[in-house]
Amino acid sequence: IPAVSEESSVTDVLGKVVSGEADAGLVYVTDVKNAQG
């Protein structure tokens, strides 16, 4: 995976996808569930 950044926590990865800074990320199932919508 040619990642554009490596984050220090899973919530930082999720935050970049939510904000539109990233097109995709790898997070836990629980993180996706908590950000439904």
PDB file of all heavy atoms in Angstrom:
ATOM      1  N   ILE A   1       0.842  -1.196   0.000  1.00  0.00           N
ATOM      2  CA  ILE A   1       0.000   0.000   0.000  1.00  0.00           C
ATOM      3  C   ILE A   1       0.878   1.247   0.000  1.00  0.00           C
ATOM      4  O   ILE A   1       1.614   1.492   0.969  1.00  0.00           O
ATOM      5  CB  ILE A   1      -0.933   0.015   1.226  1.00  0.00           C
ATOM      6  CG1 ILE A   1      -1.818  -1.232   1.236  1.00  0.00           C
ATOM      7  CG2 ILE A   1      -1.785   1.275   1.246  1.00  0.00           C
ATOM      8  CD1 ILE A   1      -2.627  -1.395   2.511  1.00  0.00           C
ATOM      9  N   PRO A   2       0.828   2.066  -1.049  1.00  0.00           N
ATOM     10  CA  PRO A   2       1.622   3.307  -1.096  1.00  0.00           C
ATOM     11  C   PRO A   2       0.941   4.419  -0.291  1.00  0.00           C
ATOM     12  O   PRO A   2       0.387   5.373  -0.846  1.00  0.00           O
ATOM     13  CB  PRO A   2       1.668   3.628  -2.589  1.00  0.00           C
ATOM     14  CG  PRO A   2       0.374   3.081  -3.114  1.00  0.00           C
ATOM     15  CD  PRO A   2       0.060   1.858  -2.301  1.00  0.00           C
ATOM     16  N   ALA A   3       1.007   4.306   1.014  1.00  0.00           N
ATOM     17  CA  ALA A   3       0.279   5.237   1.884  1.00  0.00           C
ATOM     18  C   ALA A   3       0.838   6.657   1.769  1.00  0.00           C
ATOM     19  O   ALA A   3       2.047   6.847   1.672  1.00  0.00           O
ATOM     20  CB  ALA A   3       0.362   4.767   3.326  1.00  0.00           C
ATOM     21  N   VAL A   4      -0.061   7.626   1.795  1.00  0.00           N
ATOM     22  CA  VAL A   4       0.367   9.028   1.747  1.00  0.00           C
ATOM     23  C   VAL A   4       0.773   9.533   3.128  1.00  0.00           C
ATOM     24  O   VAL A   4       1.441  10.564   3.244  1.00  0.00           O
ATOM     25  CB  VAL A   4      -0.740   9.932   1.151  1.00  0.00           C
ATOM     26  CG1 VAL A   4      -1.003   9.567  -0.301  1.00  0.00           C
ATOM     27  CG2 VAL A   4      -2.024   9.845   1.978  1.00  0.00           C
ATOM     28  N   SER A   5       0.351   8.813   4.199  1.00  0.00           N
ATOM     29  CA  SER A   5       0.799   9.160   5.555  1.00  0.00           C
ATOM     30  C   SER A   5       0.589   7.973   6.477  1.00  0.00           C
ATOM     31  O   SER A   5      -0.247   7.106   6.229  1.00  0.00           O
ATOM     32  CB  SER A   5       0.050  10.385   6.102  1.00  0.00           C
ATOM     33  OG  SER A   5      -1.291  10.068   6.397  1.00  0.00           O
ATOM     34  N   GLU A   6       1.393   7.948   7.550  1.00  0.00           N
ATOM     35  CA  GLU A   6       1.265   6.942   8.599  1.00  0.00           C
ATOM     36  C   GLU A   6       0.974   7.672   9.906  1.00  0.00           C
ATOM     37  O   GLU A   6       1.760   8.519  10.332  1.00  0.00           O
ATOM     38  CB  GLU A   6       2.542   6.107   8.713  1.00  0.00           C
ATOM     39  CG  GLU A   6       2.829   5.270   7.470  1.00  0.00           C
ATOM     40  CD  GLU A   6       4.074   4.418   7.632  1.00  0.00           C
ATOM     41  OE1 GLU A   6       4.839   4.633   8.611  1.00  0.00           O
ATOM     42  OE2 GLU A   6       4.291   3.534   6.783  1.00  0.00           O
ATOM     43  N   GLU A   7      -0.142   7.342  10.517  1.00  0.00           N
ATOM     44  CA  GLU A   7      -0.625   8.087  11.682  1.00  0.00           C
ATOM     45  C   GLU A   7      -0.298   7.373  12.990  1.00  0.00           C
ATOM     46  O   GLU A   7      -0.090   6.161  13.030  1.00  0.00           O
ATOM     47  CB  GLU A   7      -2.137   8.297  11.567  1.00  0.00           C
ATOM     48  CG  GLU A   7      -2.579   8.989  10.285  1.00  0.00           C
ATOM     49  CD  GLU A   7      -1.987  10.381  10.117  1.00  0.00           C
ATOM     50  OE1 GLU A   7      -1.859  11.085  11.132  1.00  0.00           O
ATOM     51  OE2 GLU A   7      -1.641  10.753   8.983  1.00  0.00           O
ATOM     52  N   SER A   8      -0.281   8.149  14.079  1.00  0.00           N
ATOM     53  CA  SER A   8       0.090   7.602  15.386  1.00  0.00           C
ATOM     54  C   SER A   8      -1.070   6.963  16.134  1.00  0.00           C
ATOM     55  O   SER A   8      -0.881   6.368  17.191  1.00  0.00           O
ATOM     56  CB  SER A   8       0.700   8.698  16.266  1.00  0.00           C
ATOM     57  OG  SER A   8      -0.235   9.738  16.484  1.00  0.00           O
ATOM     58  N   SER A   9      -2.283   7.083  15.601  1.00  0.00           N
ATOM     59  CA  SER A   9      -3.440   6.420  16.211  1.00  0.00           C
ATOM     60  C   SER A   9      -4.492   6.149  15.148  1.00  0.00           C
ATOM     61  O   SER A   9      -4.538   6.822  14.111  1.00  0.00           O
ATOM     62  CB  SER A   9      -4.050   7.261  17.338  1.00  0.00           C
ATOM     63  OG  SER A   9      -4.780   8.353  16.817  1.00  0.00           O
ATOM     64  N   VAL A  10      -5.340   5.180  15.430  1.00  0.00           N
ATOM     65  CA  VAL A  10      -6.369   4.794  14.467  1.00  0.00           C
ATOM     66  C   VAL A  10      -7.400   5.910  14.280  1.00  0.00           C
ATOM     67  O   VAL A  10      -7.964   6.079  13.192  1.00  0.00           O
ATOM     68  CB  VAL A  10      -7.042   3.467  14.906  1.00  0.00           C
ATOM     69  CG1 VAL A  10      -7.890   3.669  16.157  1.00  0.00           C
ATOM     70  CG2 VAL A  10      -7.865   2.862  13.784  1.00  0.00           C
ATOM     71  N   THR A  11      -7.627   6.699  15.330  1.00  0.00           N
ATOM     72  CA  THR A  11      -8.590   7.794  15.208  1.00  0.00           C
ATOM     73  C   THR A  11      -8.079   8.883  14.265  1.00  0.00           C
ATOM     74  O   THR A  11      -8.868   9.579  13.629  1.00  0.00           O
ATOM     75  CB  THR A  11      -8.911   8.397  16.586  1.00  0.00           C
ATOM     76  OG1 THR A  11      -7.689   8.685  17.270  1.00  0.00           O
ATOM     77  CG2 THR A  11      -9.733   7.436  17.421  1.00  0.00           C
ATOM     78  N   ASP A  12      -6.756   9.031  14.162  1.00  0.00           N
ATOM     79  CA  ASP A  12      -6.189   9.997  13.219  1.00  0.00           C
ATOM     80  C   ASP A  12      -6.414   9.546  11.774  1.00  0.00           C
ATOM     81  O   ASP A  12      -6.671  10.368  10.881  1.00  0.00           O
ATOM     82  CB  ASP A  12      -4.696  10.187  13.478  1.00  0.00           C
ATOM     83  CG  ASP A  12      -4.409  10.900  14.795  1.00  0.00           C
ATOM     84  OD1 ASP A  12      -5.306  11.598  15.293  1.00  0.00           O
ATOM     85  OD2 ASP A  12      -3.295  10.738  15.332  1.00  0.00           O
ATOM     86  N   VAL A  13      -6.296   8.241  11.540  1.00  0.00           N
ATOM     87  CA  VAL A  13      -6.580   7.706  10.200  1.00  0.00           C
ATOM     88  C   VAL A  13      -8.037   7.970   9.841  1.00  0.00           C
ATOM     89  O   VAL A  13      -8.348   8.483   8.758  1.00  0.00           O
ATOM     90  CB  VAL A  13      -6.287   6.185  10.141  1.00  0.00           C
ATOM     91  CG1 VAL A  13      -6.733   5.606   8.796  1.00  0.00           C
ATOM     92  CG2 VAL A  13      -4.809   5.921  10.368  1.00  0.00           C
ATOM     93  N   LEU A  14      -8.922   7.639  10.756  1.00  0.00           N
ATOM     94  CA  LEU A  14     -10.350   7.857  10.516  1.00  0.00           C
ATOM     95  C   LEU A  14     -10.637   9.329  10.263  1.00  0.00           C
ATOM     96  O   LEU A  14     -11.403   9.685   9.353  1.00  0.00           O
ATOM     97  CB  LEU A  14     -11.152   7.362  11.721  1.00  0.00           C
ATOM     98  CG  LEU A  14     -12.671   7.517  11.633  1.00  0.00           C
ATOM     99  CD1 LEU A  14     -13.240   6.652  10.523  1.00  0.00           C
ATOM    100  CD2 LEU A  14     -13.330   7.171  12.971  1.00  0.00           C
ATOM    101  N   GLY A  15     -10.022  10.201  11.038  1.00  0.00           N
ATOM    102  CA  GLY A  15     -10.257  11.634  10.900  1.00  0.00           C
ATOM    103  C   GLY A  15      -9.886  12.159   9.527  1.00  0.00           C
ATOM    104  O   GLY A  15     -10.573  13.029   8.979  1.00  0.00           O
ATOM    105  N   LYS A  16      -8.831  11.633   8.934  1.00  0.00           N
ATOM    106  CA  LYS A  16      -8.413  12.103   7.608  1.00  0.00           C
ATOM    107  C   LYS A  16      -9.384  11.655   6.523  1.00  0.00           C
ATOM    108  O   LYS A  16      -9.590  12.367   5.533  1.00  0.00           O
ATOM    109  CB  LYS A  16      -6.992  11.625   7.309  1.00  0.00           C
ATOM    110  CG  LYS A  16      -5.952  12.343   8.145  1.00  0.00           C
ATOM    111  CD  LYS A  16      -4.568  12.335   7.504  1.00  0.00           C
ATOM    112  CE  LYS A  16      -3.660  13.325   8.225  1.00  0.00           C
ATOM    113  NZ  LYS A  16      -2.332  13.447   7.594  1.00  0.00           N
ATOM    114  N   VAL A  17      -9.980  10.486   6.703  1.00  0.00           N
ATOM    115  CA  VAL A  17     -10.988  10.033   5.728  1.00  0.00           C
ATOM    116  C   VAL A  17     -12.272  10.841   5.896  1.00  0.00           C
ATOM    117  O   VAL A  17     -12.887  11.274   4.912  1.00  0.00           O
ATOM    118  CB  VAL A  17     -11.256   8.526   5.884  1.00  0.00           C
ATOM    119  CG1 VAL A  17     -12.369   8.082   4.928  1.00  0.00           C
ATOM    120  CG2 VAL A  17      -9.991   7.724   5.612  1.00  0.00           C
ATOM    121  N   VAL A  18     -12.671  11.065   7.140  1.00  0.00           N
ATOM    122  CA  VAL A  18     -13.894  11.842   7.402  1.00  0.00           C
ATOM    123  C   VAL A  18     -13.764  13.261   6.856  1.00  0.00           C
ATOM    124  O   VAL A  18     -14.705  13.816   6.278  1.00  0.00           O
ATOM    125  CB  VAL A  18     -14.187  11.880   8.921  1.00  0.00           C
ATOM    126  CG1 VAL A  18     -15.298  12.884   9.226  1.00  0.00           C
ATOM    127  CG2 VAL A  18     -14.593  10.498   9.424  1.00  0.00           C
ATOM    128  N   SER A  19     -12.582  13.864   7.014  1.00  0.00           N
ATOM    129  CA  SER A  19     -12.380  15.252   6.583  1.00  0.00           C
ATOM    130  C   SER A  19     -12.173  15.390   5.078  1.00  0.00           C
ATOM    131  O   SER A  19     -12.157  16.513   4.556  1.00  0.00           O
ATOM    132  CB  SER A  19     -11.174  15.847   7.313  1.00  0.00           C
ATOM    133  OG  SER A  19      -9.968  15.207   6.893  1.00  0.00           O
ATOM    134  N   GLY A  20     -11.975  14.269   4.375  1.00  0.00           N
ATOM    135  CA  GLY A  20     -11.749  14.323   2.936  1.00  0.00           C
ATOM    136  C   GLY A  20     -10.296  14.456   2.547  1.00  0.00           C
ATOM    137  O   GLY A  20      -9.972  14.574   1.364  1.00  0.00           O
ATOM    138  N   GLU A  21      -9.381  14.428   3.537  1.00  0.00           N
ATOM    139  CA  GLU A  21      -7.955  14.495   3.227  1.00  0.00           C
ATOM    140  C   GLU A  21      -7.437  13.205   2.608  1.00  0.00           C
ATOM    141  O   GLU A  21      -6.379  13.185   1.994  1.00  0.00           O
ATOM    142  CB  GLU A  21      -7.156  14.791   4.500  1.00  0.00           C
ATOM    143  CG  GLU A  21      -7.409  16.160   5.112  1.00  0.00           C
ATOM    144  CD  GLU A  21      -6.593  16.355   6.377  1.00  0.00           C
ATOM    145  OE1 GLU A  21      -5.351  16.382   6.261  1.00  0.00           O
ATOM    146  OE2 GLU A  21      -7.191  16.465   7.459  1.00  0.00           O
ATOM    147  N   ALA A  22      -8.171  12.116   2.807  1.00  0.00           N
ATOM    148  CA  ALA A  22      -7.762  10.822   2.264  1.00  0.00           C
ATOM    149  C   ALA A  22      -8.951  10.153   1.587  1.00  0.00           C
ATOM    150  O   ALA A  22     -10.109  10.396   1.950  1.00  0.00           O
ATOM    151  CB  ALA A  22      -7.217   9.938   3.377  1.00  0.00           C
ATOM    152  N   ASP A  23      -8.635   9.288   0.601  1.00  0.00           N
ATOM    153  CA  ASP A  23      -9.678   8.551  -0.127  1.00  0.00           C
ATOM    154  C   ASP A  23     -10.024   7.244   0.563  1.00  0.00           C
ATOM    155  O   ASP A  23     -11.111   6.687   0.346  1.00  0.00           O
ATOM    156  CB  ASP A  23      -9.210   8.232  -1.553  1.00  0.00           C
ATOM    157  CG  ASP A  23      -8.854   9.481  -2.344  1.00  0.00           C
ATOM    158  OD1 ASP A  23      -9.567  10.496  -2.196  1.00  0.00           O
ATOM    159  OD2 ASP A  23      -7.865   9.442  -3.114  1.00  0.00           O
ATOM    160  N   ALA A  24      -9.100   6.738   1.357  1.00  0.00           N
ATOM    161  CA  ALA A  24      -9.315   5.456   2.033  1.00  0.00           C
ATOM    162  C   ALA A  24      -8.342   5.322   3.195  1.00  0.00           C
ATOM    163  O   ALA A  24      -7.335   6.039   3.279  1.00  0.00           O
ATOM    164  CB  ALA A  24      -9.112   4.296   1.051  1.00  0.00           C
ATOM    165  N   GLY A  25      -8.637   4.382   4.077  1.00  0.00           N
ATOM    166  CA  GLY A  25      -7.753   4.109   5.201  1.00  0.00           C
ATOM    167  C   GLY A  25      -8.052   2.730   5.746  1.00  0.00           C
ATOM    168  O   GLY A  25      -9.041   2.095   5.369  1.00  0.00           O
ATOM    169  N   LEU A  26      -7.187   2.283   6.626  1.00  0.00           N
ATOM    170  CA  LEU A  26      -7.412   1.012   7.322  1.00  0.00           C
ATOM    171  C   LEU A  26      -7.596   1.313   8.800  1.00  0.00           C
ATOM    172  O   LEU A  26      -6.682   1.845   9.457  1.00  0.00           O
ATOM    173  CB  LEU A  26      -6.246   0.055   7.094  1.00  0.00           C
ATOM    174  CG  LEU A  26      -6.260  -0.666   5.743  1.00  0.00           C
ATOM    175  CD1 LEU A  26      -4.938  -1.382   5.504  1.00  0.00           C
ATOM    176  CD2 LEU A  26      -7.409  -1.660   5.677  1.00  0.00           C
ATOM    177  N   VAL A  27      -8.783   1.001   9.314  1.00  0.00           N
ATOM    178  CA  VAL A  27      -9.123   1.242  10.709  1.00  0.00           C
ATOM    179  C   VAL A  27      -9.823  -0.003  11.243  1.00  0.00           C
ATOM    180  O   VAL A  27     -10.001  -0.982  10.524  1.00  0.00           O
ATOM    181  CB  VAL A  27     -10.043   2.481  10.865  1.00  0.00           C
ATOM    182  CG1 VAL A  27      -9.358   3.739  10.349  1.00  0.00           C
ATOM    183  CG2 VAL A  27     -11.373   2.274  10.145  1.00  0.00           C
ATOM    184  N   TYR A  28     -10.228   0.045  12.497  1.00  0.00           N
ATOM    185  CA  TYR A  28     -10.943  -1.088  13.065  1.00  0.00           C
ATOM    186  C   TYR A  28     -12.433  -1.044  12.701  1.00  0.00           C
ATOM    187  O   TYR A  28     -12.998   0.026  12.435  1.00  0.00           O
ATOM    188  CB  TYR A  28     -10.805  -1.099  14.587  1.00  0.00           C
ATOM    189  CG  TYR A  28      -9.400  -1.343  15.067  1.00  0.00           C
ATOM    190  CD1 TYR A  28      -8.732  -0.373  15.809  1.00  0.00           C
ATOM    191  CD2 TYR A  28      -8.728  -2.531  14.784  1.00  0.00           C
ATOM    192  CE1 TYR A  28      -7.437  -0.584  16.263  1.00  0.00           C
ATOM    193  CE2 TYR A  28      -7.433  -2.746  15.227  1.00  0.00           C
ATOM    194  CZ  TYR A  28      -6.793  -1.774  15.971  1.00  0.00           C
ATOM    195  OH  TYR A  28      -5.509  -1.971  16.405  1.00  0.00           O
ATOM    196  N   VAL A  29     -13.038  -2.217  12.733  1.00  0.00           N
ATOM    197  CA  VAL A  29     -14.483  -2.327  12.502  1.00  0.00           C
ATOM    198  C   VAL A  29     -15.241  -1.384  13.432  1.00  0.00           C
ATOM    199  O   VAL A  29     -16.215  -0.736  13.032  1.00  0.00           O
ATOM    200  CB  VAL A  29     -14.941  -3.786  12.741  1.00  0.00           C
ATOM    201  CG1 VAL A  29     -16.461  -3.894  12.738  1.00  0.00           C
ATOM    202  CG2 VAL A  29     -14.334  -4.721  11.701  1.00  0.00           C
ATOM    203  N   THR A  30     -14.803  -1.286  14.673  1.00  0.00           N
ATOM    204  CA  THR A  30     -15.494  -0.450  15.659  1.00  0.00           C
ATOM    205  C   THR A  30     -15.435   1.030  15.300  1.00  0.00           C
ATOM    206  O   THR A  30     -16.372   1.786  15.583  1.00  0.00           O
ATOM    207  CB  THR A  30     -14.874  -0.661  17.050  1.00  0.00           C
ATOM    208  OG1 THR A  30     -13.454  -0.482  16.954  1.00  0.00           O
ATOM    209  CG2 THR A  30     -15.154  -2.066  17.556  1.00  0.00           C
ATOM    210  N   ASP A  31     -14.334   1.464  14.685  1.00  0.00           N
ATOM    211  CA  ASP A  31     -14.209   2.877  14.291  1.00  0.00           C
ATOM    212  C   ASP A  31     -15.217   3.225  13.204  1.00  0.00           C
ATOM    213  O   ASP A  31     -15.819   4.303  13.210  1.00  0.00           O
ATOM    214  CB  ASP A  31     -12.790   3.173  13.813  1.00  0.00           C
ATOM    215  CG  ASP A  31     -11.759   2.970  14.904  1.00  0.00           C
ATOM    216  OD1 ASP A  31     -11.836   3.664  15.925  1.00  0.00           O
ATOM    217  OD2 ASP A  31     -10.890   2.092  14.746  1.00  0.00           O
ATOM    218  N   VAL A  32     -15.377   2.316  12.257  1.00  0.00           N
ATOM    219  CA  VAL A  32     -16.363   2.532  11.185  1.00  0.00           C
ATOM    220  C   VAL A  32     -17.766   2.572  11.776  1.00  0.00           C
ATOM    221  O   VAL A  32     -18.579   3.444  11.440  1.00  0.00           O
ATOM    222  CB  VAL A  32     -16.252   1.423  10.119  1.00  0.00           C
ATOM    223  CG1 VAL A  32     -17.352   1.592   9.070  1.00  0.00           C
ATOM    224  CG2 VAL A  32     -14.882   1.453   9.449  1.00  0.00           C
ATOM    225  N   LYS A  33     -18.050   1.660  12.682  1.00  0.00           N
ATOM    226  CA  LYS A  33     -19.377   1.594  13.303  1.00  0.00           C
ATOM    227  C   LYS A  33     -19.707   2.886  14.043  1.00  0.00           C
ATOM    228  O   LYS A  33     -20.830   3.398  13.976  1.00  0.00           O
ATOM    229  CB  LYS A  33     -19.436   0.408  14.271  1.00  0.00           C
ATOM    230  CG  LYS A  33     -20.792   0.196  14.943  1.00  0.00           C
ATOM    231  CD  LYS A  33     -20.744  -1.012  15.861  1.00  0.00           C
ATOM    232  CE  LYS A  33     -22.049  -1.201  16.612  1.00  0.00           C
ATOM    233  NZ  LYS A  33     -23.168  -1.552  15.714  1.00  0.00           N
ATOM    234  N   ASN A  34     -18.695   3.439  14.726  1.00  0.00           N
ATOM    235  CA  ASN A  34     -18.926   4.650  15.516  1.00  0.00           C
ATOM    236  C   ASN A  34     -19.036   5.908  14.660  1.00  0.00           C
ATOM    237  O   ASN A  34     -19.468   6.949  15.142  1.00  0.00           O
ATOM    238  CB  ASN A  34     -17.804   4.827  16.539  1.00  0.00           C
ATOM    239  CG  ASN A  34     -17.807   3.718  17.570  1.00  0.00           C
ATOM    240  OD1 ASN A  34     -18.830   3.110  17.837  1.00  0.00           O
ATOM    241  ND2 ASN A  34     -16.649   3.435  18.137  1.00  0.00           N
ATOM    242  N   ALA A  35     -18.617   5.810  13.383  1.00  0.00           N
ATOM    243  CA  ALA A  35     -18.697   6.976  12.483  1.00  0.00           C
ATOM    244  C   ALA A  35     -19.767   6.776  11.413  1.00  0.00           C
ATOM    245  O   ALA A  35     -19.672   7.353  10.324  1.00  0.00           O
ATOM    246  CB  ALA A  35     -17.342   7.208  11.829  1.00  0.00           C
ATOM    247  N   GLN A  36     -20.763   5.979  11.722  1.00  0.00           N
ATOM    248  CA  GLN A  36     -21.831   5.713  10.759  1.00  0.00           C
ATOM    249  C   GLN A  36     -22.458   7.016  10.268  1.00  0.00           C
ATOM    250  O   GLN A  36     -22.687   7.940  11.039  1.00  0.00           O
ATOM    251  CB  GLN A  36     -22.909   4.835  11.397  1.00  0.00           C
ATOM    252  CG  GLN A  36     -22.501   3.374  11.511  1.00  0.00           C
ATOM    253  CD  GLN A  36     -23.583   2.533  12.160  1.00  0.00           C
ATOM    254  OE1 GLN A  36     -24.522   3.050  12.756  1.00  0.00           O
ATOM    255  NE2 GLN A  36     -23.455   1.224  12.056  1.00  0.00           N
ATOM    256  N   GLY A  37     -22.719   7.057   8.964  1.00  0.00           N
ATOM    257  CA  GLY A  37     -23.297   8.252   8.373  1.00  0.00           C
ATOM    258  C   GLY A  37     -22.253   9.167   7.771  1.00  0.00           C
ATOM    259  O   GLY A  37     -22.567  10.017   6.946  1.00  0.00           O
TER     260      GLY A  37
END
